Amino acid sequence: MNKTQILKEYDQYTDSWGLIQDNNQQDTSGNGIRYTTEALIVFKKYDLLDNTQRQRFITALDRCEIQTSLLMKTPFNSFGYQANDDIT
């Protein structure tokens, strides 16, 4: 599988916020930070992380940040949850 094919596969699992999800329905699962981080590791390991991809990951994760090093599970707390595990 070449770089273009791999990126195309990941695009199918990218939601409207730019986070990688566990389904290809474009729905935010609430675990996008986890899957996005795993994808980032894969991209780095296999030398797929160019400037465009790097910025894509930064933008997606920045949407979840409410203060430095404190992330919500979804961008802008889109589900409105207030449980302890909704902010990591």
N, C-alpha and C. Protein backbone atom coordinates (compact mmCIF):
# COMPACT_ATOMS: atom_id res chain seq x y z
N MET A 1 0.86 -1.17 0.00
CA MET A 1 0.00 0.00 0.00
C MET A 1 0.90 1.24 0.00
N ASN A 2 0.64 2.18 -0.89
CA ASN A 2 1.48 3.38 -0.96
C ASN A 2 0.90 4.51 -0.10
N LYS A 3 1.63 5.60 -0.01
CA LYS A 3 1.24 6.73 0.84
C LYS A 3 -0.15 7.25 0.50
N THR A 4 -0.43 7.41 -0.78
CA THR A 4 -1.73 7.94 -1.20
C THR A 4 -2.86 7.02 -0.76
N GLN A 5 -2.68 5.72 -0.89
CA GLN A 5 -3.70 4.77 -0.48
C GLN A 5 -3.92 4.79 1.03
N ILE A 6 -2.84 4.88 1.79
CA ILE A 6 -2.95 4.93 3.25
C ILE A 6 -3.70 6.19 3.68
N LEU A 7 -3.33 7.32 3.12
CA LEU A 7 -3.99 8.58 3.47
C LEU A 7 -5.48 8.53 3.11
N LYS A 8 -5.80 7.92 1.99
CA LYS A 8 -7.19 7.79 1.56
C LYS A 8 -7.98 6.93 2.55
N GLU A 9 -7.36 5.88 3.05
CA GLU A 9 -8.00 5.03 4.05
C GLU A 9 -8.31 5.82 5.32
N TYR A 10 -7.34 6.59 5.79
CA TYR A 10 -7.56 7.39 6.99
C TYR A 10 -8.62 8.46 6.77
N ASP A 11 -8.68 9.02 5.58
CA ASP A 11 -9.70 10.04 5.29
C ASP A 11 -11.11 9.51 5.49
N GLN A 12 -11.32 8.24 5.21
CA GLN A 12 -12.65 7.64 5.40
C GLN A 12 -13.08 7.64 6.87
N TYR A 13 -12.10 7.70 7.75
CA TYR A 13 -12.37 7.63 9.19
C TYR A 13 -12.16 8.98 9.89
N THR A 14 -12.16 10.04 9.12
CA THR A 14 -11.96 11.38 9.68
C THR A 14 -13.30 12.07 9.79
N ASP A 15 -13.62 12.56 10.99
CA ASP A 15 -14.91 13.22 11.19
C ASP A 15 -14.85 14.68 10.74
N SER A 16 -15.94 15.38 10.89
CA SER A 16 -16.03 16.76 10.43
C SER A 16 -15.11 17.71 11.21
N TRP A 17 -14.63 17.27 12.36
CA TRP A 17 -13.71 18.09 13.17
C TRP A 17 -12.25 17.80 12.82
N GLY A 18 -12.01 16.79 12.01
CA GLY A 18 -10.64 16.42 11.64
C GLY A 18 -10.04 15.34 12.51
N LEU A 19 -10.83 14.78 13.42
CA LEU A 19 -10.36 13.71 14.29
C LEU A 19 -10.62 12.35 13.64
N ILE A 20 -9.72 11.41 13.88
CA ILE A 20 -9.88 10.05 13.37
C ILE A 20 -10.87 9.33 14.29
N GLN A 21 -11.79 8.58 13.68
CA GLN A 21 -12.84 7.88 14.44
C GLN A 21 -12.76 6.38 14.21
N ASP A 22 -13.55 5.64 14.97
CA ASP A 22 -13.57 4.18 14.86
C ASP A 22 -14.62 3.69 13.87
N ASN A 23 -15.22 4.61 13.14
CA ASN A 23 -16.20 4.23 12.13
C ASN A 23 -16.04 5.16 10.94
N ASN A 24 -16.63 4.82 9.84
CA ASN A 24 -16.51 5.69 8.67
C ASN A 24 -17.83 6.41 8.38
N GLN A 25 -18.53 6.72 9.44
CA GLN A 25 -19.82 7.40 9.31
C GLN A 25 -19.71 8.91 9.51
N GLN A 26 -18.50 9.43 9.68
CA GLN A 26 -18.25 10.85 9.93
C GLN A 26 -18.83 11.31 11.26
N ASP A 27 -19.12 10.38 12.14
CA ASP A 27 -19.65 10.72 13.46
C ASP A 27 -18.50 10.85 14.45
N THR A 28 -18.65 11.76 15.38
CA THR A 28 -17.68 11.91 16.46
C THR A 28 -18.01 10.87 17.52
N SER A 29 -17.08 9.99 17.80
CA SER A 29 -17.34 8.88 18.73
C SER A 29 -17.07 9.25 20.18
N GLY A 30 -16.37 10.34 20.42
CA GLY A 30 -15.95 10.66 21.77
C GLY A 30 -14.57 10.11 22.08
N ASN A 31 -14.02 9.34 21.18
CA ASN A 31 -12.67 8.79 21.35
C ASN A 31 -11.73 9.28 20.26
N GLY A 32 -12.09 10.36 19.62
CA GLY A 32 -11.30 10.88 18.51
C GLY A 32 -9.89 11.26 18.88
N ILE A 33 -9.68 11.76 20.10
CA ILE A 33 -8.32 12.10 20.53
C ILE A 33 -7.46 10.84 20.54
N ARG A 34 -8.00 9.78 21.06
CA ARG A 34 -7.24 8.51 21.11
C ARG A 34 -6.89 8.03 19.71
N TYR A 35 -7.89 7.93 18.84
CA TYR A 35 -7.64 7.41 17.49
C TYR A 35 -6.76 8.36 16.68
N THR A 36 -6.92 9.64 16.89
CA THR A 36 -6.10 10.62 16.18
C THR A 36 -4.64 10.51 16.62
N THR A 37 -4.43 10.33 17.90
CA THR A 37 -3.07 10.17 18.42
C THR A 37 -2.44 8.89 17.90
N GLU A 38 -3.21 7.81 17.87
CA GLU A 38 -2.70 6.56 17.31
C GLU A 38 -2.33 6.75 15.84
N ALA A 39 -3.18 7.44 15.09
CA ALA A 39 -2.88 7.70 13.68
C ALA A 39 -1.62 8.54 13.54
N LEU A 40 -1.45 9.52 14.41
CA LEU A 40 -0.26 10.37 14.39
C LEU A 40 1.00 9.52 14.57
N ILE A 41 0.95 8.57 15.48
CA ILE A 41 2.09 7.67 15.71
C ILE A 41 2.37 6.83 14.45
N VAL A 42 1.33 6.30 13.83
CA VAL A 42 1.50 5.51 12.61
C VAL A 42 2.09 6.37 11.50
N PHE A 43 1.55 7.58 11.33
CA PHE A 43 2.06 8.48 10.30
C PHE A 43 3.54 8.77 10.51
N LYS A 44 3.91 9.02 11.75
CA LYS A 44 5.31 9.33 12.07
C LYS A 44 6.20 8.11 11.81
N LYS A 45 5.77 6.96 12.27
CA LYS A 45 6.57 5.73 12.12
C LYS A 45 6.82 5.39 10.66
N TYR A 46 5.83 5.58 9.82
CA TYR A 46 5.95 5.19 8.41
C TYR A 46 6.24 6.38 7.49
N ASP A 47 6.72 7.47 8.08
CA ASP A 47 7.16 8.63 7.33
C ASP A 47 6.05 9.21 6.42
N LEU A 48 4.86 9.29 6.96
CA LEU A 48 3.72 9.86 6.24
C LEU A 48 3.40 11.27 6.74
N LEU A 49 4.14 11.72 7.73
CA LEU A 49 3.81 12.98 8.40
C LEU A 49 4.54 14.14 7.72
N ASP A 50 3.93 14.67 6.68
CA ASP A 50 4.49 15.86 6.04
C ASP A 50 3.87 17.10 6.70
N ASN A 51 4.22 18.28 6.24
CA ASN A 51 3.72 19.51 6.87
C ASN A 51 2.20 19.62 6.81
N THR A 52 1.61 19.18 5.71
CA THR A 52 0.15 19.23 5.58
C THR A 52 -0.52 18.34 6.61
N GLN A 53 -0.03 17.11 6.74
CA GLN A 53 -0.60 16.18 7.72
C GLN A 53 -0.35 16.66 9.15
N ARG A 54 0.84 17.17 9.41
CA ARG A 54 1.16 17.69 10.74
C ARG A 54 0.18 18.80 11.13
N GLN A 55 -0.06 19.73 10.22
CA GLN A 55 -0.99 20.83 10.50
C GLN A 55 -2.42 20.31 10.69
N ARG A 56 -2.77 19.31 9.94
CA ARG A 56 -4.10 18.71 10.08
C ARG A 56 -4.31 18.14 11.49
N PHE A 57 -3.31 17.42 12.00
CA PHE A 57 -3.40 16.87 13.36
C PHE A 57 -3.42 17.99 14.41
N ILE A 58 -2.57 18.98 14.24
CA ILE A 58 -2.51 20.09 15.20
C ILE A 58 -3.85 20.80 15.26
N THR A 59 -4.43 21.10 14.11
CA THR A 59 -5.72 21.79 14.06
C THR A 59 -6.81 20.97 14.74
N ALA A 60 -6.86 19.69 14.44
CA ALA A 60 -7.88 18.82 15.03
C ALA A 60 -7.76 18.76 16.55
N LEU A 61 -6.54 18.59 17.04
CA LEU A 61 -6.34 18.49 18.49
C LEU A 61 -6.51 19.84 19.18
N ASP A 62 -6.13 20.92 18.51
CA ASP A 62 -6.32 22.26 19.09
C ASP A 62 -7.80 22.55 19.35
N ARG A 63 -8.66 22.02 18.53
CA ARG A 63 -10.10 22.23 18.71
C ARG A 63 -10.60 21.61 20.02
N CYS A 64 -9.87 20.65 20.55
CA CYS A 64 -10.27 19.97 21.78
C CYS A 64 -9.64 20.60 23.02
N GLU A 65 -8.69 21.47 22.84
CA GLU A 65 -7.96 22.03 23.98
C GLU A 65 -8.75 23.16 24.63
N ILE A 66 -8.95 23.07 25.95
CA ILE A 66 -9.63 24.15 26.66
C ILE A 66 -8.65 25.01 27.44
N GLN A 67 -7.51 24.46 27.75
CA GLN A 67 -6.38 25.22 28.27
C GLN A 67 -5.15 24.37 28.03
N THR A 68 -3.98 24.93 28.19
CA THR A 68 -2.76 24.21 27.87
C THR A 68 -2.75 22.83 28.53
N SER A 69 -2.59 21.80 27.71
CA SER A 69 -2.49 20.39 28.15
C SER A 69 -3.78 19.83 28.73
N LEU A 70 -4.90 20.50 28.57
CA LEU A 70 -6.18 19.99 29.05
C LEU A 70 -7.13 19.91 27.86
N LEU A 71 -7.52 18.67 27.54
CA LEU A 71 -8.32 18.42 26.35
C LEU A 71 -9.71 17.89 26.70
N MET A 72 -10.69 18.32 25.94
CA MET A 72 -12.03 17.71 26.00
C MET A 72 -12.03 16.51 25.07
N LYS A 73 -12.92 15.57 25.30
CA LYS A 73 -12.99 14.38 24.45
C LYS A 73 -13.45 14.71 23.04
N THR A 74 -14.21 15.76 22.90
CA THR A 74 -14.71 16.18 21.59
C THR A 74 -14.48 17.68 21.43
N PRO A 75 -14.37 18.16 20.21
CA PRO A 75 -14.17 19.59 19.99
C PRO A 75 -15.31 20.42 20.58
N PHE A 76 -14.94 21.46 21.23
CA PHE A 76 -15.92 22.41 21.78
C PHE A 76 -16.92 21.74 22.72
N ASN A 77 -16.51 20.59 23.30
CA ASN A 77 -17.38 19.82 24.19
C ASN A 77 -18.73 19.59 23.52
N SER A 78 -18.70 19.13 22.29
CA SER A 78 -19.89 19.05 21.45
C SER A 78 -21.02 18.19 22.03
N PHE A 79 -20.68 17.25 22.92
CA PHE A 79 -21.73 16.45 23.54
C PHE A 79 -22.24 17.09 24.83
N GLY A 80 -21.52 18.08 25.36
CA GLY A 80 -21.94 18.77 26.57
C GLY A 80 -21.80 17.96 27.84
N TYR A 81 -21.01 16.91 27.81
CA TYR A 81 -20.85 16.06 28.99
C TYR A 81 -20.06 16.77 30.08
N GLN A 82 -20.35 16.41 31.29
CA GLN A 82 -19.67 16.99 32.44
C GLN A 82 -19.01 15.95 33.33
N ALA A 83 -18.95 14.70 32.89
CA ALA A 83 -18.35 13.63 33.70
C ALA A 83 -16.83 13.83 33.77
N ASN A 84 -16.22 13.19 34.79
CA ASN A 84 -14.79 13.32 35.01
C ASN A 84 -13.95 12.90 33.82
N ASP A 85 -14.41 11.92 33.07
CA ASP A 85 -13.59 11.44 31.95
C ASP A 85 -13.83 12.22 30.64
N ASP A 86 -14.65 13.24 30.69
CA ASP A 86 -14.91 14.04 29.49
C ASP A 86 -13.83 15.08 29.24
N ILE A 87 -13.03 15.33 30.22
CA ILE A 87 -11.90 16.24 30.07
C ILE A 87 -10.66 15.47 30.49
N THR A 88 -9.66 15.42 29.61
CA THR A 88 -8.46 14.63 29.91
C THR A 88 -7.24 15.50 29.94
